[in-house]
Each structure stands twice: as C-alpha cells, then as structure tokens.
Amino acid sequence: MTGSTEKFEGMEEHNDEVTKAAVKYRKARDTRMDMNRKEADRKSELIEQMKKHELTVYEDSDENLLVELTEIEVNVKVKKLETEED
C-alpha cells in the first residue's frame, strides 16, 4: 500500500513490538496466500490429468491415495486410504 497514511488521534508514531508482530503476521498471511494459489494450480492440474485419462476415481495404495472427480462443480477430493493399521 503506497501513499500517505492518515494519522489518527492516539496513534503512536512507532512501536517496535507492534511493528515486529505486524511484520510476522504479514509474512504468514502472504505465505498462506501463496500456498492457496499453488494449491489451486495443483488442483487444476490434477483435474486435467483425471479428465485426460478419463478417470472419475483413482486409487494408488503405494501413495495411500484415493482421488474422486466430482461432477457437481468440477472438483476433486483426495483422501488418505483407510488401512488396517489406521
């Protein structure tokens, strides 16, 4: 955000503790937002691969995966396979 910031009554000029906490929060938020974008990209890639191979359900026991392509709103669900050990 650029430009001038309006100064409000009672607002401190600078507080190291608040600045430090705000910077940590901003970094965590930005990391989460980046991960959300990456997750959406990977989800789209998975949907494309499922459609390319004409699959609606895919299971890989070596990776402990169950993938279901849903038609309600083009979506996928990835679950951990249930095993006797679980």
N, C-alpha and C. Protein backbone atom coordinates (compact mmCIF):
# COMPACT_ATOMS: atom_id res chain seq x y z
N MET A 1 0.84 -1.16 0.00
CA MET A 1 0.00 0.00 0.00
C MET A 1 0.89 1.23 0.00
N THR A 2 0.68 2.13 -0.92
CA THR A 2 1.51 3.31 -1.00
C THR A 2 0.67 4.55 -0.74
N GLY A 3 1.35 5.67 -0.59
CA GLY A 3 0.64 6.92 -0.37
C GLY A 3 0.75 7.33 1.08
N SER A 4 0.10 8.43 1.41
CA SER A 4 0.18 8.92 2.78
C SER A 4 -0.79 8.16 3.67
N THR A 5 -0.40 8.03 4.93
CA THR A 5 -1.28 7.39 5.88
C THR A 5 -1.85 8.47 6.78
N GLU A 6 -3.12 8.38 7.01
CA GLU A 6 -3.80 9.34 7.87
C GLU A 6 -3.43 9.04 9.31
N LYS A 7 -3.12 10.06 10.04
CA LYS A 7 -2.75 9.87 11.44
C LYS A 7 -4.01 10.03 12.29
N PHE A 8 -4.30 9.02 13.11
CA PHE A 8 -5.46 9.05 13.96
C PHE A 8 -5.08 9.47 15.36
N GLU A 9 -6.03 10.06 16.06
CA GLU A 9 -5.82 10.50 17.43
C GLU A 9 -5.41 9.32 18.28
N GLY A 10 -4.35 9.48 19.07
CA GLY A 10 -3.89 8.43 19.96
C GLY A 10 -2.98 7.42 19.29
N MET A 11 -2.72 7.59 18.00
CA MET A 11 -1.87 6.65 17.28
C MET A 11 -0.40 6.98 17.55
N GLU A 12 0.36 5.95 17.91
CA GLU A 12 1.79 6.15 18.15
C GLU A 12 2.53 6.26 16.83
N GLU A 13 3.62 6.99 16.84
CA GLU A 13 4.46 7.10 15.65
C GLU A 13 5.09 5.75 15.31
N HIS A 14 5.69 5.12 16.31
CA HIS A 14 6.41 3.88 16.06
C HIS A 14 6.42 3.05 17.34
N ASN A 15 6.19 1.76 17.19
CA ASN A 15 6.25 0.84 18.32
C ASN A 15 6.90 -0.44 17.80
N ASP A 16 8.11 -0.72 18.27
CA ASP A 16 8.88 -1.88 17.77
C ASP A 16 8.13 -3.20 17.93
N GLU A 17 7.44 -3.39 19.06
CA GLU A 17 6.75 -4.65 19.30
C GLU A 17 5.58 -4.82 18.33
N VAL A 18 4.82 -3.74 18.11
CA VAL A 18 3.69 -3.81 17.19
C VAL A 18 4.19 -4.03 15.76
N THR A 19 5.25 -3.31 15.39
CA THR A 19 5.82 -3.47 14.05
C THR A 19 6.29 -4.90 13.85
N LYS A 20 6.99 -5.47 14.82
CA LYS A 20 7.50 -6.84 14.72
C LYS A 20 6.35 -7.83 14.56
N ALA A 21 5.30 -7.67 15.37
CA ALA A 21 4.15 -8.57 15.28
C ALA A 21 3.44 -8.41 13.94
N ALA A 22 3.31 -7.18 13.46
CA ALA A 22 2.64 -6.93 12.19
C ALA A 22 3.43 -7.52 11.03
N VAL A 23 4.74 -7.41 11.06
CA VAL A 23 5.59 -7.97 10.00
C VAL A 23 5.48 -9.50 10.00
N LYS A 24 5.50 -10.13 11.18
CA LYS A 24 5.35 -11.58 11.27
C LYS A 24 4.00 -12.02 10.69
N TYR A 25 2.95 -11.28 11.06
CA TYR A 25 1.62 -11.60 10.55
C TYR A 25 1.57 -11.47 9.04
N ARG A 26 2.11 -10.36 8.52
CA ARG A 26 2.09 -10.13 7.08
C ARG A 26 2.82 -11.25 6.34
N LYS A 27 3.97 -11.68 6.86
CA LYS A 27 4.72 -12.77 6.23
C LYS A 27 3.92 -14.06 6.25
N ALA A 28 3.28 -14.37 7.38
CA ALA A 28 2.47 -15.59 7.48
C ALA A 28 1.29 -15.52 6.52
N ARG A 29 0.63 -14.37 6.45
CA ARG A 29 -0.52 -14.19 5.56
C ARG A 29 -0.09 -14.34 4.11
N ASP A 30 1.02 -13.70 3.75
CA ASP A 30 1.49 -13.77 2.36
C ASP A 30 1.90 -15.19 1.99
N THR A 31 2.50 -15.92 2.93
CA THR A 31 2.86 -17.31 2.68
C THR A 31 1.61 -18.15 2.47
N ARG A 32 0.59 -17.95 3.30
CA ARG A 32 -0.67 -18.68 3.16
C ARG A 32 -1.33 -18.38 1.83
N MET A 33 -1.35 -17.12 1.44
CA MET A 33 -1.97 -16.75 0.17
C MET A 33 -1.24 -17.38 -1.00
N ASP A 34 0.09 -17.41 -0.93
CA ASP A 34 0.89 -18.04 -1.98
C ASP A 34 0.61 -19.54 -2.03
N MET A 35 0.50 -20.17 -0.86
CA MET A 35 0.19 -21.60 -0.81
C MET A 35 -1.20 -21.87 -1.37
N ASN A 36 -2.16 -20.99 -1.10
CA ASN A 36 -3.51 -21.17 -1.65
C ASN A 36 -3.48 -21.13 -3.18
N ARG A 37 -2.69 -20.21 -3.74
CA ARG A 37 -2.56 -20.14 -5.20
C ARG A 37 -1.93 -21.42 -5.74
N LYS A 38 -0.88 -21.88 -5.09
CA LYS A 38 -0.21 -23.11 -5.52
C LYS A 38 -1.15 -24.30 -5.42
N GLU A 39 -1.93 -24.37 -4.33
CA GLU A 39 -2.88 -25.47 -4.17
C GLU A 39 -3.91 -25.44 -5.29
N ALA A 40 -4.43 -24.27 -5.63
CA ALA A 40 -5.41 -24.15 -6.71
C ALA A 40 -4.82 -24.59 -8.04
N ASP A 41 -3.57 -24.22 -8.29
CA ASP A 41 -2.89 -24.63 -9.52
C ASP A 41 -2.74 -26.16 -9.58
N ARG A 42 -2.33 -26.76 -8.45
CA ARG A 42 -2.13 -28.21 -8.41
C ARG A 42 -3.47 -28.93 -8.57
N LYS A 43 -4.54 -28.36 -7.99
CA LYS A 43 -5.87 -28.95 -8.11
C LYS A 43 -6.31 -28.94 -9.57
N SER A 44 -6.10 -27.82 -10.26
CA SER A 44 -6.45 -27.74 -11.68
C SER A 44 -5.66 -28.75 -12.49
N GLU A 45 -4.39 -28.89 -12.18
CA GLU A 45 -3.53 -29.86 -12.87
C GLU A 45 -4.05 -31.28 -12.66
N LEU A 46 -4.46 -31.59 -11.43
CA LEU A 46 -4.99 -32.92 -11.12
C LEU A 46 -6.29 -33.18 -11.88
N ILE A 47 -7.18 -32.19 -11.89
CA ILE A 47 -8.44 -32.34 -12.63
C ILE A 47 -8.16 -32.58 -14.11
N GLU A 48 -7.22 -31.83 -14.68
CA GLU A 48 -6.86 -32.02 -16.09
C GLU A 48 -6.36 -33.44 -16.34
N GLN A 49 -5.51 -33.96 -15.45
CA GLN A 49 -4.98 -35.31 -15.63
C GLN A 49 -6.07 -36.37 -15.50
N MET A 50 -6.98 -36.17 -14.55
CA MET A 50 -8.09 -37.11 -14.41
C MET A 50 -8.94 -37.14 -15.67
N LYS A 51 -9.23 -35.97 -16.22
CA LYS A 51 -10.03 -35.89 -17.45
C LYS A 51 -9.27 -36.46 -18.64
N LYS A 52 -7.99 -36.15 -18.73
CA LYS A 52 -7.16 -36.65 -19.83
C LYS A 52 -7.18 -38.17 -19.88
N HIS A 53 -7.14 -38.79 -18.72
CA HIS A 53 -7.11 -40.25 -18.64
C HIS A 53 -8.51 -40.85 -18.44
N GLU A 54 -9.53 -39.99 -18.59
CA GLU A 54 -10.93 -40.40 -18.50
C GLU A 54 -11.22 -41.18 -17.21
N LEU A 55 -10.76 -40.64 -16.10
CA LEU A 55 -10.95 -41.27 -14.80
C LEU A 55 -11.91 -40.44 -13.95
N THR A 56 -12.75 -41.11 -13.21
CA THR A 56 -13.57 -40.42 -12.20
C THR A 56 -13.12 -40.82 -10.80
N VAL A 57 -12.47 -41.98 -10.69
CA VAL A 57 -11.92 -42.45 -9.42
C VAL A 57 -10.53 -43.01 -9.70
N TYR A 58 -9.61 -42.70 -8.82
CA TYR A 58 -8.24 -43.20 -8.97
C TYR A 58 -7.72 -43.56 -7.59
N GLU A 59 -7.10 -44.73 -7.48
CA GLU A 59 -6.54 -45.19 -6.22
C GLU A 59 -5.09 -45.59 -6.42
N ASP A 60 -4.24 -45.19 -5.50
CA ASP A 60 -2.83 -45.59 -5.51
C ASP A 60 -2.47 -45.99 -4.09
N SER A 61 -2.44 -47.29 -3.85
CA SER A 61 -2.17 -47.77 -2.49
C SER A 61 -0.73 -47.51 -2.06
N ASP A 62 0.20 -47.44 -3.04
CA ASP A 62 1.59 -47.14 -2.68
C ASP A 62 1.71 -45.75 -2.06
N GLU A 63 0.93 -44.82 -2.57
CA GLU A 63 0.95 -43.44 -2.06
C GLU A 63 -0.19 -43.18 -1.07
N ASN A 64 -1.00 -44.22 -0.81
CA ASN A 64 -2.11 -44.11 0.12
C ASN A 64 -3.10 -43.02 -0.30
N LEU A 65 -3.48 -43.04 -1.60
CA LEU A 65 -4.34 -42.02 -2.20
C LEU A 65 -5.63 -42.60 -2.75
N LEU A 66 -6.69 -41.83 -2.58
CA LEU A 66 -7.94 -42.07 -3.26
C LEU A 66 -8.40 -40.73 -3.82
N VAL A 67 -8.52 -40.65 -5.14
CA VAL A 67 -8.92 -39.41 -5.81
C VAL A 67 -10.26 -39.63 -6.47
N GLU A 68 -11.21 -38.73 -6.21
CA GLU A 68 -12.54 -38.82 -6.82
C GLU A 68 -12.82 -37.52 -7.56
N LEU A 69 -13.14 -37.63 -8.83
CA LEU A 69 -13.52 -36.47 -9.63
C LEU A 69 -15.03 -36.32 -9.51
N THR A 70 -15.47 -35.19 -8.98
CA THR A 70 -16.90 -34.97 -8.80
C THR A 70 -17.42 -34.09 -9.91
N GLU A 71 -18.67 -34.27 -10.27
CA GLU A 71 -19.26 -33.53 -11.38
C GLU A 71 -20.14 -32.37 -10.94
N ILE A 72 -20.50 -32.31 -9.67
CA ILE A 72 -21.39 -31.26 -9.19
C ILE A 72 -20.82 -29.89 -9.56
N GLU A 73 -19.66 -29.60 -9.13
CA GLU A 73 -18.89 -28.46 -9.60
C GLU A 73 -17.52 -29.06 -9.81
N VAL A 74 -17.03 -29.02 -10.99
CA VAL A 74 -15.82 -29.77 -11.32
C VAL A 74 -14.83 -29.61 -10.17
N ASN A 75 -14.61 -30.72 -9.49
CA ASN A 75 -13.83 -30.70 -8.27
C ASN A 75 -13.20 -32.07 -8.08
N VAL A 76 -12.22 -32.15 -7.23
CA VAL A 76 -11.64 -33.44 -6.85
C VAL A 76 -11.55 -33.52 -5.34
N LYS A 77 -11.63 -34.73 -4.85
CA LYS A 77 -11.42 -35.00 -3.43
C LYS A 77 -10.28 -35.97 -3.34
N VAL A 78 -9.30 -35.67 -2.49
CA VAL A 78 -8.18 -36.56 -2.27
C VAL A 78 -8.23 -36.97 -0.81
N LYS A 79 -8.24 -38.28 -0.59
CA LYS A 79 -8.34 -38.80 0.78
C LYS A 79 -7.20 -39.77 1.04
N LYS A 80 -6.90 -39.93 2.29
CA LYS A 80 -5.95 -40.95 2.71
C LYS A 80 -6.71 -42.26 2.72
N LEU A 81 -6.16 -43.29 2.13
CA LEU A 81 -6.79 -44.60 2.11
C LEU A 81 -6.85 -45.16 3.53
N GLU A 82 -7.95 -45.80 3.85
CA GLU A 82 -8.08 -46.47 5.14
C GLU A 82 -7.29 -47.78 5.06
N THR A 83 -6.49 -48.04 6.04
CA THR A 83 -5.75 -49.29 6.09
C THR A 83 -6.06 -49.98 7.43
N GLU A 84 -5.72 -51.22 7.51
CA GLU A 84 -5.97 -51.96 8.76
C GLU A 84 -5.20 -51.35 9.91
N GLU A 85 -4.08 -50.71 9.63
CA GLU A 85 -3.24 -50.12 10.66
C GLU A 85 -3.86 -48.85 11.22
N ASP A 86 -4.73 -48.15 10.45
CA ASP A 86 -5.32 -46.87 10.88
C ASP A 86 -6.27 -47.03 12.01
